[in-house]
Amino acid sequence: MDTGIPQGSPVAPILFATYLSGIYDEVEAAVPGIHGLSFVDDISWWAKGKDDEEVAAKLSEAATAAIEWTVRNGVAFDQGKTEAALFHKKRTAPKATVVVGDSKVPFNKEATRWLGVWLDS
């Protein structure tokens, strides 16, 4: 049995947003200080922290909670498209990485593109 939302359908964004709506409350409840932000099929998690290690730990917990939600709800994310960005006042490169499933995602040293906008530290 195939599952999913028909690509290109005018109703696809509404169905997708409705289906995924439960992930935000669940992840935000599971990880104090994490916040979700999305647009259609792009999901982002953001957190504040005193240093890059604290932020990476919160994002790693959010990734774990999100993946657990997807397993229970028959959704799969393309982990290969996962990026991490750190916005801070320091000029030093972050040393921490975000753990997403079996992968370690370093904070981008340059810029991250989200919804056609380039964001840099």
C-alpha atoms as a PDB file:
ATOM      1  CA  MET A   1       0.000   0.000   0.000  1.00  0.00           C
ATOM      2  CA  ASP A   2       1.380   3.377  -0.987  1.00  0.00           C
ATOM      3  CA  THR A   3       0.923   6.358   1.277  1.00  0.00           C
ATOM      4  CA  GLY A   4       1.497  10.030   0.839  1.00  0.00           C
ATOM      5  CA  ILE A   5       0.016  13.179  -0.551  1.00  0.00           C
ATOM      6  CA  PRO A   6      -0.403  13.672  -4.290  1.00  0.00           C
ATOM      7  CA  GLN A   7       2.291  16.014  -5.572  1.00  0.00           C
ATOM      8  CA  GLY A   8       0.987  19.096  -7.313  1.00  0.00           C
ATOM      9  CA  SER A   9      -2.518  18.764  -5.971  1.00  0.00           C
ATOM     10  CA  PRO A  10      -4.027  22.081  -4.795  1.00  0.00           C
ATOM     11  CA  VAL A  11      -5.103  20.374  -1.582  1.00  0.00           C
ATOM     12  CA  ALA A  12      -1.670  18.822  -0.859  1.00  0.00           C
ATOM     13  CA  PRO A  13      -0.319  21.678   1.312  1.00  0.00           C
ATOM     14  CA  ILE A  14      -3.485  21.693   3.434  1.00  0.00           C
ATOM     15  CA  LEU A  15      -3.467  17.925   3.883  1.00  0.00           C
ATOM     16  CA  PHE A  16       0.234  17.897   4.709  1.00  0.00           C
ATOM     17  CA  ALA A  17      -0.043  20.706   7.264  1.00  0.00           C
ATOM     18  CA  THR A  18      -3.058  19.070   8.885  1.00  0.00           C
ATOM     19  CA  TYR A  19      -1.410  15.667   9.062  1.00  0.00           C
ATOM     20  CA  LEU A  20       1.797  17.030  10.603  1.00  0.00           C
ATOM     21  CA  SER A  21       0.105  19.427  13.023  1.00  0.00           C
ATOM     22  CA  GLY A  22       0.545  17.048  15.973  1.00  0.00           C
ATOM     23  CA  ILE A  23       4.328  16.948  15.750  1.00  0.00           C
ATOM     24  CA  TYR A  24       4.851  20.499  16.986  1.00  0.00           C
ATOM     25  CA  ASP A  25       3.014  20.214  20.303  1.00  0.00           C
ATOM     26  CA  GLU A  26       4.552  16.817  20.998  1.00  0.00           C
ATOM     27  CA  VAL A  27       8.159  17.853  20.342  1.00  0.00           C
ATOM     28  CA  GLU A  28       7.761  21.179  22.156  1.00  0.00           C
ATOM     29  CA  ALA A  29       6.310  19.357  25.180  1.00  0.00           C
ATOM     30  CA  ALA A  30       9.074  16.742  25.152  1.00  0.00           C
ATOM     31  CA  VAL A  31      11.962  19.213  24.906  1.00  0.00           C
ATOM     32  CA  PRO A  32      11.794  22.324  27.110  1.00  0.00           C
ATOM     33  CA  GLY A  33      12.992  25.411  25.263  1.00  0.00           C
ATOM     34  CA  ILE A  34      12.475  24.067  21.748  1.00  0.00           C
ATOM     35  CA  HIS A  35      10.169  25.788  19.252  1.00  0.00           C
ATOM     36  CA  GLY A  36       8.861  24.599  15.904  1.00  0.00           C
ATOM     37  CA  LEU A  37       8.496  26.640  12.757  1.00  0.00           C
ATOM     38  CA  SER A  38       7.262  25.351   9.438  1.00  0.00           C
ATOM     39  CA  PHE A  39       6.083  26.268   5.991  1.00  0.00           C
ATOM     40  CA  VAL A  40       4.290  23.561   4.015  1.00  0.00           C
ATOM     41  CA  ASP A  41       6.798  20.668   4.039  1.00  0.00           C
ATOM     42  CA  ASP A  42       9.773  22.488   5.588  1.00  0.00           C
ATOM     43  CA  ILE A  43      10.062  21.992   9.336  1.00  0.00           C
ATOM     44  CA  SER A  44      12.538  23.832  11.508  1.00  0.00           C
ATOM     45  CA  TRP A  45      13.326  23.623  15.208  1.00  0.00           C
ATOM     46  CA  TRP A  46      15.001  26.439  17.073  1.00  0.00           C
ATOM     47  CA  ALA A  47      16.329  26.846  20.571  1.00  0.00           C
ATOM     48  CA  LYS A  48      18.230  29.328  22.698  1.00  0.00           C
ATOM     49  CA  GLY A  49      21.157  28.401  24.880  1.00  0.00           C
ATOM     50  CA  LYS A  50      24.212  29.704  26.694  1.00  0.00           C
ATOM     51  CA  ASP A  51      26.583  27.977  24.251  1.00  0.00           C
ATOM     52  CA  ASP A  52      26.625  25.843  21.105  1.00  0.00           C
ATOM     53  CA  GLU A  53      26.703  22.593  23.107  1.00  0.00           C
ATOM     54  CA  GLU A  54      23.456  23.453  24.917  1.00  0.00           C
ATOM     55  CA  VAL A  55      21.738  24.431  21.671  1.00  0.00           C
ATOM     56  CA  ALA A  56      22.989  21.274  19.920  1.00  0.00           C
ATOM     57  CA  ALA A  57      21.736  19.111  22.805  1.00  0.00           C
ATOM     58  CA  LYS A  58      18.248  20.655  22.646  1.00  0.00           C
ATOM     59  CA  LEU A  59      18.108  20.276  18.860  1.00  0.00           C
ATOM     60  CA  SER A  60      19.292  16.664  19.117  1.00  0.00           C
ATOM     61  CA  GLU A  61      16.521  15.929  21.626  1.00  0.00           C
ATOM     62  CA  ALA A  62      14.005  17.596  19.313  1.00  0.00           C
ATOM     63  CA  ALA A  63      15.234  15.488  16.390  1.00  0.00           C
ATOM     64  CA  THR A  64      14.816  12.317  18.459  1.00  0.00           C
ATOM     65  CA  ALA A  65      11.303  13.306  19.537  1.00  0.00           C
ATOM     66  CA  ALA A  66      10.371  14.216  15.950  1.00  0.00           C
ATOM     67  CA  ILE A  67      11.691  10.924  14.576  1.00  0.00           C
ATOM     68  CA  GLU A  68       9.789   8.984  17.248  1.00  0.00           C
ATOM     69  CA  TRP A  69       6.619  10.857  16.252  1.00  0.00           C
ATOM     70  CA  THR A  70       7.193  10.031  12.567  1.00  0.00           C
ATOM     71  CA  VAL A  71       7.593   6.319  13.313  1.00  0.00           C
ATOM     72  CA  ARG A  72       4.272   6.272  15.180  1.00  0.00           C
ATOM     73  CA  ASN A  73       2.508   8.262  12.467  1.00  0.00           C
ATOM     74  CA  GLY A  74       3.828   6.734   9.246  1.00  0.00           C
ATOM     75  CA  VAL A  75       5.872   9.729   8.122  1.00  0.00           C
ATOM     76  CA  ALA A  76       9.457   9.766   6.884  1.00  0.00           C
ATOM     77  CA  PHE A  77      11.688  12.819   6.693  1.00  0.00           C
ATOM     78  CA  ASP A  78      14.581  13.142   4.282  1.00  0.00           C
ATOM     79  CA  GLN A  79      17.387  13.306   6.840  1.00  0.00           C
ATOM     80  CA  GLY A  80      19.853  14.009   4.037  1.00  0.00           C
ATOM     81  CA  LYS A  81      18.366  17.487   3.697  1.00  0.00           C
ATOM     82  CA  THR A  82      18.828  18.280   7.380  1.00  0.00           C
ATOM     83  CA  GLU A  83      20.933  21.335   8.148  1.00  0.00           C
ATOM     84  CA  ALA A  84      21.875  23.117  11.354  1.00  0.00           C
ATOM     85  CA  ALA A  85      22.659  26.799  11.770  1.00  0.00           C
ATOM     86  CA  LEU A  86      23.898  28.661  14.811  1.00  0.00           C
ATOM     87  CA  PHE A  87      23.329  32.384  15.155  1.00  0.00           C
ATOM     88  CA  HIS A  88      25.563  34.066  17.709  1.00  0.00           C
ATOM     89  CA  LYS A  89      27.740  37.095  18.392  1.00  0.00           C
ATOM     90  CA  LYS A  90      31.022  35.189  18.580  1.00  0.00           C
ATOM     91  CA  ARG A  91      33.250  34.861  15.529  1.00  0.00           C
ATOM     92  CA  THR A  92      34.422  31.350  16.438  1.00  0.00           C
ATOM     93  CA  ALA A  93      33.139  28.306  14.613  1.00  0.00           C
ATOM     94  CA  PRO A  94      30.843  26.097  16.713  1.00  0.00           C
ATOM     95  CA  LYS A  95      32.325  22.784  17.792  1.00  0.00           C
ATOM     96  CA  ALA A  96      29.096  20.979  18.656  1.00  0.00           C
ATOM     97  CA  THR A  97      27.000  18.901  16.246  1.00  0.00           C
ATOM     98  CA  VAL A  98      23.342  18.002  16.198  1.00  0.00           C
ATOM     99  CA  VAL A  99      22.504  14.292  16.254  1.00  0.00           C
ATOM    100  CA  VAL A 100      19.671  13.356  13.898  1.00  0.00           C
ATOM    101  CA  GLY A 101      18.959   9.650  13.901  1.00  0.00           C
ATOM    102  CA  ASP A 102      22.226   7.924  12.993  1.00  0.00           C
ATOM    103  CA  SER A 103      23.800  11.092  11.586  1.00  0.00           C
ATOM    104  CA  LYS A 104      25.732  13.972  13.069  1.00  0.00           C
ATOM    105  CA  VAL A 105      24.860  17.312  11.519  1.00  0.00           C
ATOM    106  CA  PRO A 106      27.459  20.056  12.061  1.00  0.00           C
ATOM    107  CA  PHE A 107      26.401  23.678  12.264  1.00  0.00           C
ATOM    108  CA  ASN A 108      26.901  25.257   8.836  1.00  0.00           C
ATOM    109  CA  LYS A 109      30.038  27.359   8.658  1.00  0.00           C
ATOM    110  CA  GLU A 110      28.661  29.517   5.883  1.00  0.00           C
ATOM    111  CA  ALA A 111      24.962  30.077   5.293  1.00  0.00           C
ATOM    112  CA  THR A 112      21.757  28.068   5.353  1.00  0.00           C
ATOM    113  CA  ARG A 113      19.015  28.529   2.807  1.00  0.00           C
ATOM    114  CA  TRP A 114      15.461  28.292   4.130  1.00  0.00           C
ATOM    115  CA  LEU A 115      12.452  29.116   1.973  1.00  0.00           C
ATOM    116  CA  GLY A 116      14.648  30.888  -0.540  1.00  0.00           C
ATOM    117  CA  VAL A 117      16.280  33.157   2.051  1.00  0.00           C
ATOM    118  CA  TRP A 118      19.962  32.815   2.911  1.00  0.00           C
ATOM    119  CA  LEU A 119      20.631  32.964   6.654  1.00  0.00           C
ATOM    120  CA  ASP A 120      24.133  33.283   8.028  1.00  0.00           C
ATOM    121  CA  SER A 121      25.591  33.604  11.486  1.00  0.00           C
END
